[in-house]
């Protein structure tokens, strides 16, 4: 019996949601996601797809936090997390299959370019945002 992709992702989201509270109790908290009401329409968005409990995603989060002053005015950083049920649709929409993943979109959410999944250095992030 083969399960459809949306069903498999839904099952994954439910499983992650079930274990996330226990895993997240000791995990560092990433910066809050930017909401639509605080977005500057002219800036591109640097969208970060992450699993807050995963070491590679935590490393990528630290790099982004260190770059925050540099990115201000160049790109708006937006987080989508595996442990937030409302974010699961964004993982599906952008076809995210590996984490961490960074994507640059325009203000409306249309993908402009994406980095290869995995940890991106500050230099790689600068190039991603500038191009």
Protein backbone atom coordinates (compact mmCIF):
# COMPACT_ATOMS: atom_id res chain seq x y z
CA UNK A 1 0.00 0.00 0.00
CA UNK A 2 1.48 3.36 -1.06
CA UNK A 3 0.52 6.51 0.84
CA UNK A 4 0.14 9.83 -0.92
CA UNK A 5 2.78 12.52 -0.29
CA UNK A 6 0.39 14.95 1.49
CA UNK A 7 -0.76 12.13 3.78
CA UNK A 8 2.84 11.11 4.59
CA UNK A 9 3.74 14.73 5.38
CA UNK A 10 0.65 15.04 7.58
CA UNK A 11 1.62 11.90 9.47
CA UNK A 12 5.16 13.29 9.87
CA UNK A 13 3.80 16.58 11.18
CA UNK A 14 1.58 14.80 13.70
CA UNK A 15 4.50 12.63 14.84
CA UNK A 16 6.77 15.64 15.20
CA UNK A 17 4.09 17.54 17.10
CA UNK A 18 3.71 14.60 19.49
CA UNK A 19 7.40 14.45 20.39
CA UNK A 20 8.24 18.13 20.05
CA UNK A 21 7.19 19.21 23.59
CA UNK A 22 9.59 16.72 25.20
CA UNK A 23 12.40 17.49 22.78
CA UNK A 24 11.82 21.23 22.86
CA UNK A 25 11.95 21.51 26.64
CA UNK A 26 15.77 21.75 26.54
CA UNK A 27 16.23 23.13 23.02
CA UNK A 28 17.24 26.77 22.51
CA UNK A 29 14.43 28.95 21.22
CA UNK A 30 14.91 30.50 17.76
CA UNK A 31 13.96 34.09 17.10
CA UNK A 32 10.23 34.63 16.64
CA UNK A 33 8.92 34.48 13.10
CA UNK A 34 8.16 37.75 11.42
CA UNK A 35 4.45 38.29 10.93
CA UNK A 36 2.77 39.73 7.86
CA UNK A 37 1.86 42.90 9.75
CA UNK A 38 5.54 43.72 10.42
CA UNK A 39 6.89 42.98 6.93
CA UNK A 40 8.36 45.64 4.73
CA UNK A 41 6.89 44.95 1.30
CA UNK A 42 9.94 46.16 -0.65
CA UNK A 43 12.43 43.78 0.97
CA UNK A 44 13.03 40.25 -0.27
CA UNK A 45 12.48 37.55 2.31
CA UNK A 46 15.13 35.09 3.46
CA UNK A 47 12.98 32.12 4.43
CA UNK A 48 14.53 29.65 6.88
CA UNK A 49 12.96 26.18 7.06
CA UNK A 50 14.11 24.49 10.25
CA UNK A 51 13.67 21.78 12.84
CA UNK A 52 14.25 23.64 16.15
CA UNK A 53 15.53 20.45 17.80
CA UNK A 54 18.09 19.60 15.11
CA UNK A 55 21.74 20.51 15.61
CA UNK A 56 22.33 21.64 11.99
CA UNK A 57 19.27 23.91 12.16
CA UNK A 58 20.42 25.34 15.49
CA UNK A 59 23.84 26.09 13.95
CA UNK A 60 22.19 27.81 10.98
CA UNK A 61 19.98 29.78 13.36
CA UNK A 62 23.06 31.05 15.25
CA UNK A 63 24.66 32.18 11.98
CA UNK A 64 21.50 34.05 10.99
CA UNK A 65 21.24 35.70 14.42
CA UNK A 66 24.88 36.84 14.19
CA UNK A 67 24.13 38.29 10.73
CA UNK A 68 20.92 40.06 11.81
CA UNK A 69 22.46 43.57 11.87
CA UNK A 70 24.00 42.99 8.44
CA UNK A 71 20.77 41.62 6.95
CA UNK A 72 18.62 44.45 8.31
CA UNK A 73 17.49 46.56 5.38
CA UNK A 74 18.60 43.91 2.85
CA UNK A 75 16.24 41.02 3.59
CA UNK A 76 13.55 40.08 6.04
CA UNK A 77 14.31 36.78 7.80
CA UNK A 78 11.25 34.55 8.16
CA UNK A 79 11.21 31.24 10.05
CA UNK A 80 9.10 28.17 9.27
CA UNK A 81 9.43 25.39 11.85
CA UNK A 82 8.62 21.69 11.79
CA UNK A 83 6.97 21.92 15.21
CA UNK A 84 4.44 24.61 14.23
CA UNK A 85 1.37 22.95 12.67
CA UNK A 86 0.53 26.05 10.62
CA UNK A 87 3.99 26.00 9.01
CA UNK A 88 3.65 22.47 7.57
CA UNK A 89 1.82 23.80 4.50
CA UNK A 90 4.82 26.04 3.70
CA UNK A 91 7.14 23.02 3.74
CA UNK A 92 4.80 21.39 1.22
CA UNK A 93 4.35 24.56 -0.85
CA UNK A 94 8.11 24.99 -1.36
CA UNK A 95 8.89 21.26 -1.65
CA UNK A 96 11.22 21.17 1.36
CA UNK A 97 12.71 17.70 1.86
CA UNK A 98 15.95 18.42 3.75
CA UNK A 99 16.83 20.78 6.59
CA UNK A 100 18.08 23.37 7.12
CA UNK A 101 16.98 25.09 3.91
CA UNK A 102 17.21 28.78 3.00
CA UNK A 103 15.13 30.31 0.21
CA UNK A 104 14.96 33.89 -1.04
CA UNK A 105 11.47 35.01 -2.04
CA UNK A 106 9.93 38.28 -3.08
CA UNK A 107 7.53 40.02 -0.69
CA UNK A 108 4.59 38.00 -2.06
CA UNK A 109 6.33 34.67 -1.38
CA UNK A 110 7.36 33.84 -4.96
CA UNK A 111 10.64 31.92 -4.88
CA UNK A 112 13.58 33.78 -6.40
CA UNK A 113 16.38 31.32 -5.54
CA UNK A 114 17.38 28.76 -2.94
CA UNK A 115 20.53 27.47 -1.34
CA UNK A 116 21.47 23.81 -1.38
CA UNK A 117 20.02 22.24 1.80
CA UNK A 118 22.49 22.20 4.68
CA UNK A 119 24.31 24.75 6.79
CA UNK A 120 25.18 27.92 4.87
CA UNK A 121 28.09 30.11 5.98
CA UNK A 122 27.70 33.86 6.41
CA UNK A 123 29.50 34.33 3.08
CA UNK A 124 27.10 31.99 1.31
CA UNK A 125 24.12 33.79 2.85
CA UNK A 126 25.47 37.17 1.70
CA UNK A 127 25.77 35.82 -1.85
CA UNK A 128 22.28 34.32 -1.69
CA UNK A 129 20.72 37.60 -0.60
CA UNK A 130 22.76 39.82 -2.99
CA UNK A 131 22.15 37.94 -6.23
